[in-house]
C-alpha atoms as a PDB file:
ATOM      1  CA  MET A   1     -16.658 -14.532  -9.572  1.00  0.00           C
ATOM      2  CA  LYS A   2     -16.385 -13.160 -12.915  1.00  0.00           C
ATOM      3  CA  ALA A   3     -15.534 -15.219 -16.309  1.00  0.00           C
ATOM      4  CA  THR A   4     -12.993 -13.719 -18.375  1.00  0.00           C
ATOM      5  CA  GLY A   5     -13.360 -16.201 -21.387  1.00  0.00           C
ATOM      6  CA  ILE A   6      -9.578 -16.736 -21.461  1.00  0.00           C
ATOM      7  CA  VAL A   7      -8.454 -20.284 -21.275  1.00  0.00           C
ATOM      8  CA  ARG A   8      -4.916 -21.423 -20.414  1.00  0.00           C
ATOM      9  CA  ARG A   9      -3.235 -24.959 -20.361  1.00  0.00           C
ATOM     10  CA  ILE A  10      -1.105 -26.138 -17.610  1.00  0.00           C
ATOM     11  CA  ASP A  11       2.447 -27.009 -18.928  1.00  0.00           C
ATOM     12  CA  ASP A  12       4.364 -30.353 -17.923  1.00  0.00           C
ATOM     13  CA  LEU A  13       5.846 -28.493 -14.945  1.00  0.00           C
ATOM     14  CA  GLY A  14       2.426 -27.664 -13.554  1.00  0.00           C
ATOM     15  CA  ARG A  15       2.732 -23.827 -14.533  1.00  0.00           C
ATOM     16  CA  VAL A  16      -0.276 -21.684 -15.686  1.00  0.00           C
ATOM     17  CA  VAL A  17       0.421 -18.314 -17.430  1.00  0.00           C
ATOM     18  CA  ILE A  18      -1.711 -15.466 -16.111  1.00  0.00           C
ATOM     19  CA  PRO A  19      -2.405 -13.342 -19.018  1.00  0.00           C
ATOM     20  CA  LYS A  20      -0.754  -9.792 -19.120  1.00  0.00           C
ATOM     21  CA  GLU A  21      -4.148  -7.940 -19.458  1.00  0.00           C
ATOM     22  CA  ILE A  22      -5.284  -9.533 -16.201  1.00  0.00           C
ATOM     23  CA  ARG A  23      -1.826  -8.931 -14.554  1.00  0.00           C
ATOM     24  CA  ARG A  24      -2.269  -5.234 -15.384  1.00  0.00           C
ATOM     25  CA  THR A  25      -5.767  -4.957 -14.399  1.00  0.00           C
ATOM     26  CA  MET A  26      -5.252  -6.687 -11.007  1.00  0.00           C
ATOM     27  CA  GLN A  27      -1.902  -4.853 -10.479  1.00  0.00           C
ATOM     28  CA  ILE A  28       0.156  -8.168 -10.219  1.00  0.00           C
ATOM     29  CA  ARG A  29       3.961  -7.459 -10.770  1.00  0.00           C
ATOM     30  CA  ASP A  30       6.705  -9.912 -11.249  1.00  0.00           C
ATOM     31  CA  GLY A  31       7.584 -11.345  -8.016  1.00  0.00           C
ATOM     32  CA  ASP A  32       4.286 -10.571  -6.157  1.00  0.00           C
ATOM     33  CA  PRO A  33       3.152 -13.255  -3.753  1.00  0.00           C
ATOM     34  CA  LEU A  34      -0.233 -15.019  -4.753  1.00  0.00           C
ATOM     35  CA  GLU A  35      -2.354 -16.994  -2.132  1.00  0.00           C
ATOM     36  CA  ILE A  36      -3.948 -20.083  -3.743  1.00  0.00           C
ATOM     37  CA  TYR A  37      -7.431 -21.330  -2.558  1.00  0.00           C
ATOM     38  CA  THR A  38      -9.481 -24.160  -3.600  1.00  0.00           C
ATOM     39  CA  GLU A  39     -13.002 -25.074  -3.567  1.00  0.00           C
ATOM     40  CA  LYS A  40     -14.723 -28.488  -3.476  1.00  0.00           C
ATOM     41  CA  ASN A  41     -16.220 -28.054  -7.055  1.00  0.00           C
ATOM     42  CA  GLY A  42     -12.655 -27.977  -8.435  1.00  0.00           C
ATOM     43  CA  GLU A  43     -12.301 -24.119  -8.448  1.00  0.00           C
ATOM     44  CA  VAL A  44      -8.691 -22.761  -7.920  1.00  0.00           C
ATOM     45  CA  ILE A  45      -8.563 -19.182  -6.971  1.00  0.00           C
ATOM     46  CA  PHE A  46      -5.415 -16.888  -7.022  1.00  0.00           C
ATOM     47  CA  LYS A  47      -5.523 -13.905  -4.626  1.00  0.00           C
ATOM     48  CA  LYS A  48      -2.853 -11.274  -4.218  1.00  0.00           C
ATOM     49  CA  TYR A  49      -1.274 -11.685  -0.951  1.00  0.00           C
ATOM     50  CA  SER A  50      -0.421  -8.615   1.083  1.00  0.00           C
ATOM     51  CA  PRO A  51       1.494  -9.145   4.316  1.00  0.00           C
ATOM     52  CA  VAL A  52       0.619  -5.476   5.312  1.00  0.00           C
ATOM     53  CA  GLY A  53      -2.995  -5.918   4.548  1.00  0.00           C
ATOM     54  CA  GLU A  54      -3.080  -8.793   6.955  1.00  0.00           C
ATOM     55  CA  LEU A  55      -2.370  -6.422   9.661  1.00  0.00           C
ATOM     56  CA  GLY A  56      -5.869  -4.645   9.262  1.00  0.00           C
ATOM     57  CA  GLU A  57      -7.009  -3.706  12.736  1.00  0.00           C
ATOM     58  CA  PHE A  58      -3.511  -3.372  14.042  1.00  0.00           C
ATOM     59  CA  ALA A  59      -2.661  -0.841  11.096  1.00  0.00           C
ATOM     60  CA  GLY A  60      -5.854   0.980  12.045  1.00  0.00           C
ATOM     61  CA  ARG A  61      -4.684   1.394  15.796  1.00  0.00           C
ATOM     62  CA  LEU A  62      -1.194   2.463  14.745  1.00  0.00           C
ATOM     63  CA  CYS A  63      -2.699   5.214  12.333  1.00  0.00           C
ATOM     64  CA  GLU A  64      -4.879   6.458  15.057  1.00  0.00           C
ATOM     65  CA  THR A  65      -1.920   6.696  17.651  1.00  0.00           C
ATOM     66  CA  MET A  66       0.232   8.447  14.933  1.00  0.00           C
ATOM     67  CA  GLY A  67      -2.474  10.836  13.878  1.00  0.00           C
ATOM     68  CA  LYS A  68      -3.150  11.787  17.546  1.00  0.00           C
ATOM     69  CA  ALA A  69       0.427  12.184  18.331  1.00  0.00           C
ATOM     70  CA  ALA A  70       1.067  14.346  15.475  1.00  0.00           C
ATOM     71  CA  GLY A  71      -2.256  16.184  15.025  1.00  0.00           C
ATOM     72  CA  ARG A  72      -2.472  15.125  11.314  1.00  0.00           C
ATOM     73  CA  CYS A  73      -4.142  12.648   9.048  1.00  0.00           C
ATOM     74  CA  ALA A  74      -2.174   9.444   9.090  1.00  0.00           C
ATOM     75  CA  ALA A  75      -2.295   6.402   6.756  1.00  0.00           C
ATOM     76  CA  ILE A  76      -0.663   3.071   6.060  1.00  0.00           C
ATOM     77  CA  ALA A  77      -0.733   1.401   2.515  1.00  0.00           C
ATOM     78  CA  ASP A  78       0.293  -1.739   0.955  1.00  0.00           C
ATOM     79  CA  ARG A  79       1.645  -1.985  -2.445  1.00  0.00           C
ATOM     80  CA  ASP A  80      -1.663  -1.127  -3.905  1.00  0.00           C
ATOM     81  CA  ALA A  81      -4.024   0.809  -1.735  1.00  0.00           C
ATOM     82  CA  LEU A  82      -4.431   2.414   1.656  1.00  0.00           C
ATOM     83  CA  ILE A  83      -5.403  -0.218   4.295  1.00  0.00           C
ATOM     84  CA  ALA A  84      -5.823   2.024   7.351  1.00  0.00           C
ATOM     85  CA  VAL A  85      -6.617   5.705   7.508  1.00  0.00           C
ATOM     86  CA  TYR A  86      -7.131   8.129  10.719  1.00  0.00           C
ATOM     87  CA  GLY A  87      -8.311  11.631  10.500  1.00  0.00           C
ATOM     88  CA  ALA A  88      -9.589  11.862   6.834  1.00  0.00           C
ATOM     89  CA  PRO A  89     -12.687  10.159   5.291  1.00  0.00           C
ATOM     90  CA  LYS A  90     -12.097   6.610   4.810  1.00  0.00           C
ATOM     91  CA  SER A  91     -14.536   6.490   1.919  1.00  0.00           C
ATOM     92  CA  GLU A  92     -12.726   8.829   0.054  1.00  0.00           C
ATOM     93  CA  LEU A  93      -9.415   7.143   0.285  1.00  0.00           C
ATOM     94  CA  MET A  94      -9.457   3.413   1.270  1.00  0.00           C
ATOM     95  CA  GLU A  95      -9.166   0.683  -1.515  1.00  0.00           C
ATOM     96  CA  LYS A  96      -8.397   3.370  -4.178  1.00  0.00           C
ATOM     97  CA  ARG A  97      -5.371   2.515  -6.323  1.00  0.00           C
ATOM     98  CA  LEU A  98      -2.304   4.238  -5.211  1.00  0.00           C
ATOM     99  CA  SER A  99      -0.967   6.892  -7.548  1.00  0.00           C
ATOM    100  CA  SER A 100       2.243   5.996  -9.779  1.00  0.00           C
ATOM    101  CA  GLU A 101       4.111   8.750  -8.084  1.00  0.00           C
ATOM    102  CA  LEU A 102       3.629   7.312  -4.702  1.00  0.00           C
ATOM    103  CA  GLU A 103       4.646   3.673  -5.888  1.00  0.00           C
ATOM    104  CA  GLN A 104       7.998   5.146  -7.490  1.00  0.00           C
ATOM    105  CA  LEU A 105       8.468   6.879  -4.128  1.00  0.00           C
ATOM    106  CA  MET A 106       8.284   3.696  -2.281  1.00  0.00           C
ATOM    107  CA  GLU A 107      10.302   1.819  -4.693  1.00  0.00           C
ATOM    108  CA  ARG A 108      13.135   4.554  -4.111  1.00  0.00           C
ATOM    109  CA  ARG A 109      13.301   3.181  -0.641  1.00  0.00           C
ATOM    110  CA  GLN A 110      13.951   6.569   0.759  1.00  0.00           C
ATOM    111  CA  ILE A 111      11.846   8.745   3.324  1.00  0.00           C
ATOM    112  CA  TYR A 112      10.034  11.618   1.684  1.00  0.00           C
ATOM    113  CA  ARG A 113       9.087  14.894   3.351  1.00  0.00           C
ATOM    114  CA  ARG A 114       7.341  17.644   1.614  1.00  0.00           C
ATOM    115  CA  LEU A 115       9.132  21.025   1.959  1.00  0.00           C
ATOM    116  CA  PRO A 116       7.472  24.354   2.501  1.00  0.00           C
ATOM    117  CA  GLY A 117       5.937  25.640  -0.836  1.00  0.00           C
ATOM    118  CA  GLU A 118       6.259  22.255  -2.334  1.00  0.00           C
ATOM    119  CA  LYS A 119       3.274  20.382  -3.816  1.00  0.00           C
ATOM    120  CA  GLY A 120       2.829  16.808  -2.136  1.00  0.00           C
ATOM    121  CA  VAL A 121       2.944  13.615  -3.799  1.00  0.00           C
ATOM    122  CA  PRO A 122      -0.807  12.515  -4.767  1.00  0.00           C
ATOM    123  CA  ILE A 123      -1.934   9.546  -2.768  1.00  0.00           C
ATOM    124  CA  ALA A 124      -4.407   7.827  -5.084  1.00  0.00           C
ATOM    125  CA  ASP A 125      -5.486   7.908  -8.736  1.00  0.00           C
ATOM    126  CA  GLY A 126      -8.116  10.628  -9.147  1.00  0.00           C
ATOM    127  CA  PRO A 127      -8.874  14.070  -7.566  1.00  0.00           C
ATOM    128  CA  ASP A 128      -9.369  13.320  -3.950  1.00  0.00           C
ATOM    129  CA  GLY A 129      -7.284  16.396  -2.799  1.00  0.00           C
ATOM    130  CA  TYR A 130      -5.106  14.511  -0.314  1.00  0.00           C
ATOM    131  CA  SER A 131      -1.257  14.382  -0.942  1.00  0.00           C
ATOM    132  CA  ALA A 132       1.564  12.725   0.870  1.00  0.00           C
ATOM    133  CA  ASP A 133       3.338  15.202   3.200  1.00  0.00           C
ATOM    134  CA  VAL A 134       5.421  12.316   4.595  1.00  0.00           C
ATOM    135  CA  ALA A 135       6.032   8.702   3.244  1.00  0.00           C
ATOM    136  CA  ALA A 136       8.125   6.065   4.793  1.00  0.00           C
ATOM    137  CA  PRO A 137       8.391   2.841   2.920  1.00  0.00           C
ATOM    138  CA  VAL A 138       8.098  -0.415   4.840  1.00  0.00           C
ATOM    139  CA  VAL A 139      10.990  -2.722   3.876  1.00  0.00           C
ATOM    140  CA  ALA A 140      11.154  -6.211   5.036  1.00  0.00           C
ATOM    141  CA  GLU A 141      13.815  -8.758   3.856  1.00  0.00           C
ATOM    142  CA  GLY A 142      14.504  -6.633   1.187  1.00  0.00           C
ATOM    143  CA  ASP A 143      11.232  -6.109  -0.267  1.00  0.00           C
ATOM    144  CA  VAL A 144       8.947  -2.904  -0.247  1.00  0.00           C
ATOM    145  CA  LEU A 145       5.781  -4.003   1.099  1.00  0.00           C
ATOM    146  CA  GLY A 146       3.903  -0.769   1.752  1.00  0.00           C
ATOM    147  CA  CYS A 147       4.342   2.703   3.186  1.00  0.00           C
ATOM    148  CA  VAL A 148       3.521   4.698   6.404  1.00  0.00           C
ATOM    149  CA  LEU A 149       2.200   8.196   5.558  1.00  0.00           C
ATOM    150  CA  PHE A 150       1.048  11.458   6.885  1.00  0.00           C
ATOM    151  CA  LEU A 151      -1.564  13.025   4.589  1.00  0.00           C
ATOM    152  CA  GLY A 152      -2.193  16.651   3.859  1.00  0.00           C
ATOM    153  CA  LYS A 153      -4.121  19.041   1.603  1.00  0.00           C
ATOM    154  CA  GLY A 154      -1.447  21.585   1.284  1.00  0.00           C
ATOM    155  CA  GLU A 155      -1.451  22.982   4.825  1.00  0.00           C
ATOM    156  CA  ALA A 156       1.698  23.731   6.603  1.00  0.00           C
ATOM    157  CA  ALA A 157       4.541  21.596   5.866  1.00  0.00           C
ATOM    158  CA  PRO A 158       5.258  18.650   8.142  1.00  0.00           C
ATOM    159  CA  GLY A 159       7.926  18.878  10.813  1.00  0.00           C
ATOM    160  CA  GLU A 160      10.515  16.672  12.237  1.00  0.00           C
ATOM    161  CA  VAL A 161       7.960  14.878  14.540  1.00  0.00           C
ATOM    162  CA  GLU A 162       5.959  13.617  11.658  1.00  0.00           C
ATOM    163  CA  TYR A 163       9.081  12.466   9.848  1.00  0.00           C
ATOM    164  CA  LYS A 164      10.649  10.728  12.769  1.00  0.00           C
ATOM    165  CA  LEU A 165       7.167   9.108  13.729  1.00  0.00           C
ATOM    166  CA  ALA A 166       6.843   7.676  10.126  1.00  0.00           C
ATOM    167  CA  GLN A 167      10.392   6.446  10.045  1.00  0.00           C
ATOM    168  CA  THR A 168       9.891   4.727  13.420  1.00  0.00           C
ATOM    169  CA  VAL A 169       6.642   3.088  12.567  1.00  0.00           C
ATOM    170  CA  SER A 170       7.803   1.846   9.016  1.00  0.00           C
ATOM    171  CA  GLY A 171      10.830   0.445  10.720  1.00  0.00           C
ATOM    172  CA  PHE A 172       8.762  -1.229  13.329  1.00  0.00           C
ATOM    173  CA  LEU A 173       6.310  -2.730  10.698  1.00  0.00           C
ATOM    174  CA  GLY A 174       9.249  -3.831   8.540  1.00  0.00           C
ATOM    175  CA  LYS A 175      10.832  -5.794  11.530  1.00  0.00           C
ATOM    176  CA  GLN A 176       7.537  -7.336  12.430  1.00  0.00           C
ATOM    177  CA  LEU A 177       6.835  -8.495   8.830  1.00  0.00           C
ATOM    178  CA  SER A 178      10.399  -9.859   8.493  1.00  0.00           C
ATOM    179  CA  SER A 179       9.947 -12.451  11.561  1.00  0.00           C
END
């Protein structure tokens, strides 16, 4: 654990303000759920809660199935980072912050498919070379929780199979996370 040197008081309603700098650094947005942990020595720890991130191993198996069915790289992301990847080097992509373009695409709540001749949406900040060829947001109870992706490096544009598969898996995850 790293000390920030910032001290805040609890108000009369039991609230504590998390400073803007920390929210920005930790990518905590208004309305984001935080999980609260306590330690015996009096420590209280807030951790961003990711319902999609809780799927871990299951998301990995879904990516593998999607990737094999379509013959392409597949991934699943929560709101901040990729949580599962198949067919691409995980060390290059996992846990990297998602690009602002991909975040905006998810917020639009529409399925994206790269057209022939188009440049795909970058996946992560930094030059990893991968882009989203297909991106289907995972929506549960009105909230965008993540995204189902087919990745590419500028090869042939994705077809109807990738589009429908991403749409189906994102719908399935949305229903699972709603219940």
